[in-house]
Amino acid sequence: MRSKGYAKELLTECEVWAKGNGCQEFASDCEIDNINSLHFHKAMNFTEANRIICFTKLL
């Protein structure tokens, strides 16, 4: 379903809802190696804020 504009349309509706409910900022994230998501976020005018590495440890 990629490249059909559905994600952009959904994001736009979410932003409208958020603004209507008093939100002033919208945040999102993606896995560090998810290049498609990274490109989508940049195309939707998100600004990269940080990169992190998450760790787990079995006990």
N, C-alpha and C. Protein backbone atom coordinates (compact mmCIF):
# COMPACT_ATOMS: atom_id res chain seq x y z
N MET A 1 0.81 -1.20 0.00
CA MET A 1 0.00 0.00 0.00
C MET A 1 0.85 1.26 0.00
N ARG A 2 2.15 1.09 -0.19
CA ARG A 2 3.04 2.25 -0.19
C ARG A 2 2.82 3.11 -1.43
N SER A 3 3.19 4.37 -1.27
CA SER A 3 3.16 5.35 -2.37
C SER A 3 1.76 5.64 -2.88
N LYS A 4 0.75 5.44 -2.03
CA LYS A 4 -0.62 5.77 -2.42
C LYS A 4 -1.15 6.97 -1.64
N GLY A 5 -0.34 7.51 -0.73
CA GLY A 5 -0.74 8.69 0.01
C GLY A 5 -1.53 8.42 1.28
N TYR A 6 -1.73 7.14 1.62
CA TYR A 6 -2.54 6.83 2.80
C TYR A 6 -1.87 7.30 4.09
N ALA A 7 -0.59 7.10 4.22
CA ALA A 7 0.11 7.52 5.45
C ALA A 7 0.07 9.03 5.61
N LYS A 8 0.27 9.74 4.52
CA LYS A 8 0.23 11.21 4.56
C LYS A 8 -1.17 11.68 4.96
N GLU A 9 -2.19 11.05 4.40
CA GLU A 9 -3.57 11.41 4.72
C GLU A 9 -3.88 11.13 6.19
N LEU A 10 -3.45 9.99 6.68
CA LEU A 10 -3.67 9.64 8.08
C LEU A 10 -2.94 10.60 9.01
N LEU A 11 -1.69 10.92 8.68
CA LEU A 11 -0.92 11.87 9.50
C LEU A 11 -1.62 13.23 9.52
N THR A 12 -2.09 13.68 8.40
CA THR A 12 -2.78 14.97 8.32
C THR A 12 -4.00 14.99 9.23
N GLU A 13 -4.79 13.92 9.20
CA GLU A 13 -5.98 13.84 10.07
C GLU A 13 -5.59 13.79 11.54
N CYS A 14 -4.52 13.08 11.86
CA CYS A 14 -4.05 13.03 13.25
C CYS A 14 -3.61 14.41 13.72
N GLU A 15 -2.93 15.15 12.85
CA GLU A 15 -2.48 16.50 13.21
C GLU A 15 -3.66 17.43 13.43
N VAL A 16 -4.68 17.32 12.59
CA VAL A 16 -5.89 18.14 12.75
C VAL A 16 -6.54 17.83 14.09
N TRP A 17 -6.67 16.53 14.41
CA TRP A 17 -7.26 16.13 15.68
C TRP A 17 -6.43 16.66 16.85
N ALA A 18 -5.11 16.52 16.77
CA ALA A 18 -4.23 16.95 17.86
C ALA A 18 -4.34 18.46 18.08
N LYS A 19 -4.30 19.23 16.99
CA LYS A 19 -4.44 20.70 17.12
C LYS A 19 -5.78 21.05 17.74
N GLY A 20 -6.83 20.35 17.33
CA GLY A 20 -8.17 20.60 17.85
C GLY A 20 -8.30 20.27 19.33
N ASN A 21 -7.37 19.48 19.83
CA ASN A 21 -7.38 19.10 21.24
C ASN A 21 -6.28 19.79 22.03
N GLY A 22 -5.77 20.89 21.49
CA GLY A 22 -4.84 21.73 22.23
C GLY A 22 -3.37 21.33 22.16
N CYS A 23 -3.05 20.32 21.38
CA CYS A 23 -1.64 19.91 21.28
C CYS A 23 -0.86 20.92 20.45
N GLN A 24 0.38 21.14 20.84
CA GLN A 24 1.23 22.10 20.14
C GLN A 24 2.41 21.43 19.45
N GLU A 25 2.60 20.14 19.70
CA GLU A 25 3.73 19.43 19.10
C GLU A 25 3.31 17.99 18.84
N PHE A 26 3.84 17.45 17.76
CA PHE A 26 3.54 16.08 17.36
C PHE A 26 4.88 15.35 17.29
N ALA A 27 4.97 14.19 17.92
CA ALA A 27 6.22 13.43 17.92
C ALA A 27 6.00 12.06 17.30
N SER A 28 7.06 11.49 16.78
CA SER A 28 7.02 10.17 16.19
C SER A 28 8.41 9.56 16.28
N ASP A 29 8.50 8.28 16.01
CA ASP A 29 9.82 7.65 16.00
C ASP A 29 9.83 6.50 15.01
N CYS A 30 11.02 6.02 14.71
CA CYS A 30 11.18 4.85 13.86
C CYS A 30 12.49 4.16 14.22
N GLU A 31 12.62 2.91 13.84
CA GLU A 31 13.87 2.19 14.07
C GLU A 31 14.98 2.89 13.30
N ILE A 32 16.18 2.86 13.84
CA ILE A 32 17.30 3.61 13.28
C ILE A 32 17.66 3.15 11.86
N ASP A 33 17.36 1.89 11.53
CA ASP A 33 17.69 1.39 10.19
C ASP A 33 16.50 1.36 9.24
N ASN A 34 15.37 1.96 9.64
CA ASN A 34 14.18 1.99 8.79
C ASN A 34 14.25 3.22 7.89
N ILE A 35 14.94 3.06 6.78
CA ILE A 35 15.19 4.18 5.85
C ILE A 35 13.89 4.70 5.24
N ASN A 36 12.95 3.81 4.93
CA ASN A 36 11.68 4.27 4.35
C ASN A 36 10.94 5.19 5.31
N SER A 37 10.90 4.81 6.59
CA SER A 37 10.23 5.64 7.58
C SER A 37 10.96 6.96 7.78
N LEU A 38 12.29 6.90 7.79
CA LEU A 38 13.08 8.12 7.93
C LEU A 38 12.76 9.10 6.79
N HIS A 39 12.72 8.59 5.57
CA HIS A 39 12.41 9.46 4.42
C HIS A 39 10.98 10.01 4.50
N PHE A 40 10.05 9.17 4.95
CA PHE A 40 8.67 9.63 5.10
C PHE A 40 8.58 10.77 6.11
N HIS A 41 9.21 10.57 7.28
CA HIS A 41 9.16 11.61 8.32
C HIS A 41 9.75 12.93 7.81
N LYS A 42 10.88 12.84 7.12
CA LYS A 42 11.49 14.06 6.58
C LYS A 42 10.58 14.71 5.54
N ALA A 43 9.94 13.91 4.71
CA ALA A 43 9.02 14.44 3.69
C ALA A 43 7.80 15.11 4.32
N MET A 44 7.45 14.67 5.54
CA MET A 44 6.30 15.23 6.25
C MET A 44 6.70 16.38 7.17
N ASN A 45 7.91 16.87 7.00
CA ASN A 45 8.43 18.04 7.73
C ASN A 45 8.71 17.78 9.21
N PHE A 46 8.93 16.52 9.58
CA PHE A 46 9.42 16.24 10.93
C PHE A 46 10.89 16.63 10.99
N THR A 47 11.34 17.10 12.13
CA THR A 47 12.74 17.43 12.35
C THR A 47 13.34 16.35 13.25
N GLU A 48 14.45 15.80 12.82
CA GLU A 48 15.11 14.79 13.65
C GLU A 48 15.60 15.44 14.94
N ALA A 49 15.21 14.86 16.07
CA ALA A 49 15.55 15.44 17.36
C ALA A 49 16.70 14.72 18.04
N ASN A 50 16.83 13.41 17.79
CA ASN A 50 17.84 12.64 18.51
C ASN A 50 17.91 11.25 17.92
N ARG A 51 19.00 10.55 18.21
CA ARG A 51 19.12 9.13 17.89
C ARG A 51 19.56 8.43 19.15
N ILE A 52 18.97 7.26 19.39
CA ILE A 52 19.31 6.51 20.60
C ILE A 52 19.59 5.05 20.25
N ILE A 53 20.24 4.39 21.15
CA ILE A 53 20.43 2.95 21.07
C ILE A 53 19.77 2.36 22.31
N CYS A 54 18.87 1.41 22.10
CA CYS A 54 18.16 0.76 23.21
C CYS A 54 18.83 -0.56 23.52
N PHE A 55 18.88 -0.90 24.79
CA PHE A 55 19.54 -2.12 25.24
C PHE A 55 18.56 -3.00 26.01
N THR A 56 18.78 -4.30 25.95
CA THR A 56 18.06 -5.24 26.80
C THR A 56 19.07 -6.20 27.40
N LYS A 57 18.69 -6.82 28.50
CA LYS A 57 19.57 -7.79 29.15
C LYS A 57 18.69 -8.84 29.82
N LEU A 58 18.88 -10.08 29.44
CA LEU A 58 18.15 -11.15 30.08
C LEU A 58 18.68 -11.37 31.48
N LEU A 59 17.81 -11.60 32.42
CA LEU A 59 18.20 -11.83 33.81
C LEU A 59 18.11 -13.30 34.16
